């Protein structure tokens, strides 16, 4: 028996990559496989882990946890890992920001 040691960070990176591939495979539509124009027009959606999403939005993972607890952003579970659909997060935050402006004083 051979024992291999893997750093936690490396394991997380591998799991992120695997989850991204699984999500891409699930979303791929069979009728798009032969049409290059459709492939270019329909780029794959980005699913990000909480740390990567925090980096992309220039915020902290703790802020994302607060937003998640409020129900403003909702992750999906892939292999026991939470992933956030980037476009849905951006839309939810924009919608929340618009609603916040409605009720703020001038």
C-alpha atoms as a PDB file:
ATOM      1  CA  UNK A   1       0.000   0.000   0.000  1.00  0.00           C
ATOM      2  CA  UNK A   2       1.283   3.437  -0.927  1.00  0.00           C
ATOM      3  CA  UNK A   3       0.432   6.538   1.107  1.00  0.00           C
ATOM      4  CA  UNK A   4       0.236   9.884  -0.651  1.00  0.00           C
ATOM      5  CA  UNK A   5       0.147  13.149   1.284  1.00  0.00           C
ATOM      6  CA  UNK A   6      -1.782  16.038  -0.228  1.00  0.00           C
ATOM      7  CA  UNK A   7      -1.922  19.537   1.220  1.00  0.00           C
ATOM      8  CA  UNK A   8      -5.393  20.769   2.109  1.00  0.00           C
ATOM      9  CA  UNK A   9      -5.138  23.694  -0.333  1.00  0.00           C
ATOM     10  CA  UNK A  10      -4.161  21.349  -3.183  1.00  0.00           C
ATOM     11  CA  UNK A  11      -7.085  19.066  -2.348  1.00  0.00           C
ATOM     12  CA  UNK A  12      -9.483  22.036  -2.380  1.00  0.00           C
ATOM     13  CA  UNK A  13      -8.126  23.179  -5.754  1.00  0.00           C
ATOM     14  CA  UNK A  14      -8.583  19.678  -7.180  1.00  0.00           C
ATOM     15  CA  UNK A  15     -12.145  19.501  -5.808  1.00  0.00           C
ATOM     16  CA  UNK A  16     -12.959  22.938  -7.282  1.00  0.00           C
ATOM     17  CA  UNK A  17     -11.708  21.842 -10.692  1.00  0.00           C
ATOM     18  CA  UNK A  18     -13.619  18.568 -10.508  1.00  0.00           C
ATOM     19  CA  UNK A  19     -16.805  20.369  -9.473  1.00  0.00           C
ATOM     20  CA  UNK A  20     -16.402  22.838 -12.347  1.00  0.00           C
ATOM     21  CA  UNK A  21     -16.032  19.966 -14.810  1.00  0.00           C
ATOM     22  CA  UNK A  22     -19.090  18.172 -13.414  1.00  0.00           C
ATOM     23  CA  UNK A  23     -21.191  21.331 -13.651  1.00  0.00           C
ATOM     24  CA  UNK A  24     -19.984  21.986 -17.196  1.00  0.00           C
ATOM     25  CA  UNK A  25     -20.842  18.429 -18.218  1.00  0.00           C
ATOM     26  CA  UNK A  26     -24.318  18.698 -16.700  1.00  0.00           C
ATOM     27  CA  UNK A  27     -25.050  21.988 -18.450  1.00  0.00           C
ATOM     28  CA  UNK A  28     -23.737  20.942 -21.860  1.00  0.00           C
ATOM     29  CA  UNK A  29     -26.592  20.468 -24.308  1.00  0.00           C
ATOM     30  CA  UNK A  30     -26.245  17.739 -26.964  1.00  0.00           C
ATOM     31  CA  UNK A  31     -27.572  19.892 -29.814  1.00  0.00           C
ATOM     32  CA  UNK A  32     -24.823  22.479 -29.252  1.00  0.00           C
ATOM     33  CA  UNK A  33     -21.985  20.034 -29.939  1.00  0.00           C
ATOM     34  CA  UNK A  34     -22.056  20.512 -33.728  1.00  0.00           C
ATOM     35  CA  UNK A  35     -22.782  24.222 -33.920  1.00  0.00           C
ATOM     36  CA  UNK A  36     -19.671  26.387 -33.434  1.00  0.00           C
ATOM     37  CA  UNK A  37     -21.656  29.617 -33.555  1.00  0.00           C
ATOM     38  CA  UNK A  38     -23.887  28.497 -30.704  1.00  0.00           C
ATOM     39  CA  UNK A  39     -20.856  27.359 -28.708  1.00  0.00           C
ATOM     40  CA  UNK A  40     -19.248  30.793 -28.998  1.00  0.00           C
ATOM     41  CA  UNK A  41     -22.507  32.555 -28.134  1.00  0.00           C
ATOM     42  CA  UNK A  42     -23.172  30.347 -25.102  1.00  0.00           C
ATOM     43  CA  UNK A  43     -20.057  30.517 -22.971  1.00  0.00           C
ATOM     44  CA  UNK A  44     -20.122  28.329 -19.866  1.00  0.00           C
ATOM     45  CA  UNK A  45     -21.508  29.881 -16.692  1.00  0.00           C
ATOM     46  CA  UNK A  46     -19.050  30.500 -13.870  1.00  0.00           C
ATOM     47  CA  UNK A  47     -19.601  28.633 -10.616  1.00  0.00           C
ATOM     48  CA  UNK A  48     -17.320  29.794  -7.827  1.00  0.00           C
ATOM     49  CA  UNK A  49     -16.450  28.640  -4.340  1.00  0.00           C
ATOM     50  CA  UNK A  50     -17.041  31.145  -1.545  1.00  0.00           C
ATOM     51  CA  UNK A  51     -13.359  32.234  -1.380  1.00  0.00           C
ATOM     52  CA  UNK A  52     -13.172  32.680  -5.160  1.00  0.00           C
ATOM     53  CA  UNK A  53     -16.488  34.540  -5.229  1.00  0.00           C
ATOM     54  CA  UNK A  54     -15.288  36.816  -2.432  1.00  0.00           C
ATOM     55  CA  UNK A  55     -12.168  37.559  -4.438  1.00  0.00           C
ATOM     56  CA  UNK A  56     -14.169  38.211  -7.624  1.00  0.00           C
ATOM     57  CA  UNK A  57     -16.493  40.611  -5.786  1.00  0.00           C
ATOM     58  CA  UNK A  58     -13.648  42.193  -3.781  1.00  0.00           C
ATOM     59  CA  UNK A  59     -15.281  41.341  -0.459  1.00  0.00           C
ATOM     60  CA  UNK A  60     -14.733  38.919   2.393  1.00  0.00           C
ATOM     61  CA  UNK A  61     -16.071  35.358   2.697  1.00  0.00           C
ATOM     62  CA  UNK A  62     -17.733  36.506   5.948  1.00  0.00           C
ATOM     63  CA  UNK A  63     -19.768  39.106   4.032  1.00  0.00           C
ATOM     64  CA  UNK A  64     -20.925  36.363   1.660  1.00  0.00           C
ATOM     65  CA  UNK A  65     -21.921  34.220   4.651  1.00  0.00           C
ATOM     66  CA  UNK A  66     -24.072  37.092   5.953  1.00  0.00           C
ATOM     67  CA  UNK A  67     -25.702  37.519   2.529  1.00  0.00           C
ATOM     68  CA  UNK A  68     -26.304  33.774   2.378  1.00  0.00           C
ATOM     69  CA  UNK A  69     -27.938  33.764   5.833  1.00  0.00           C
ATOM     70  CA  UNK A  70     -30.216  36.609   4.710  1.00  0.00           C
ATOM     71  CA  UNK A  71     -31.212  34.515   1.693  1.00  0.00           C
ATOM     72  CA  UNK A  72     -29.838  37.012  -0.821  1.00  0.00           C
ATOM     73  CA  UNK A  73     -27.421  34.523  -2.376  1.00  0.00           C
ATOM     74  CA  UNK A  74     -27.999  30.791  -2.612  1.00  0.00           C
ATOM     75  CA  UNK A  75     -25.302  28.222  -3.363  1.00  0.00           C
ATOM     76  CA  UNK A  76     -25.722  24.883  -5.064  1.00  0.00           C
ATOM     77  CA  UNK A  77     -24.124  21.729  -3.667  1.00  0.00           C
ATOM     78  CA  UNK A  78     -21.694  19.841  -5.881  1.00  0.00           C
ATOM     79  CA  UNK A  79     -20.037  16.825  -4.323  1.00  0.00           C
ATOM     80  CA  UNK A  80     -20.500  18.244  -0.836  1.00  0.00           C
ATOM     81  CA  UNK A  81     -19.077  21.619  -1.841  1.00  0.00           C
ATOM     82  CA  UNK A  82     -20.991  24.884  -2.086  1.00  0.00           C
ATOM     83  CA  UNK A  83     -20.707  26.733  -5.382  1.00  0.00           C
ATOM     84  CA  UNK A  84     -22.254  30.052  -6.340  1.00  0.00           C
ATOM     85  CA  UNK A  85     -23.458  30.867  -9.851  1.00  0.00           C
ATOM     86  CA  UNK A  86     -21.744  34.172 -10.547  1.00  0.00           C
ATOM     87  CA  UNK A  87     -24.490  35.658 -12.738  1.00  0.00           C
ATOM     88  CA  UNK A  88     -27.186  34.854 -10.143  1.00  0.00           C
ATOM     89  CA  UNK A  89     -25.148  36.420  -7.337  1.00  0.00           C
ATOM     90  CA  UNK A  90     -24.553  39.592  -9.338  1.00  0.00           C
ATOM     91  CA  UNK A  91     -28.257  39.810 -10.282  1.00  0.00           C
ATOM     92  CA  UNK A  92     -29.362  39.258  -6.669  1.00  0.00           C
ATOM     93  CA  UNK A  93     -26.978  41.910  -5.362  1.00  0.00           C
ATOM     94  CA  UNK A  94     -28.078  44.405  -8.028  1.00  0.00           C
ATOM     95  CA  UNK A  95     -31.737  43.729  -7.228  1.00  0.00           C
ATOM     96  CA  UNK A  96     -31.063  44.115  -3.501  1.00  0.00           C
ATOM     97  CA  UNK A  97     -29.212  47.365  -4.124  1.00  0.00           C
ATOM     98  CA  UNK A  98     -32.125  48.754  -6.204  1.00  0.00           C
ATOM     99  CA  UNK A  99     -34.628  47.778  -3.501  1.00  0.00           C
ATOM    100  CA  UNK A 100     -32.446  49.373  -0.818  1.00  0.00           C
ATOM    101  CA  UNK A 101     -32.377  52.638  -2.732  1.00  0.00           C
ATOM    102  CA  UNK A 102     -36.200  52.719  -2.940  1.00  0.00           C
ATOM    103  CA  UNK A 103     -36.532  52.874   0.812  1.00  0.00           C
ATOM    104  CA  UNK A 104     -33.559  55.070   1.678  1.00  0.00           C
ATOM    105  CA  UNK A 105     -34.083  58.737   2.451  1.00  0.00           C
ATOM    106  CA  UNK A 106     -32.942  61.316  -0.147  1.00  0.00           C
END
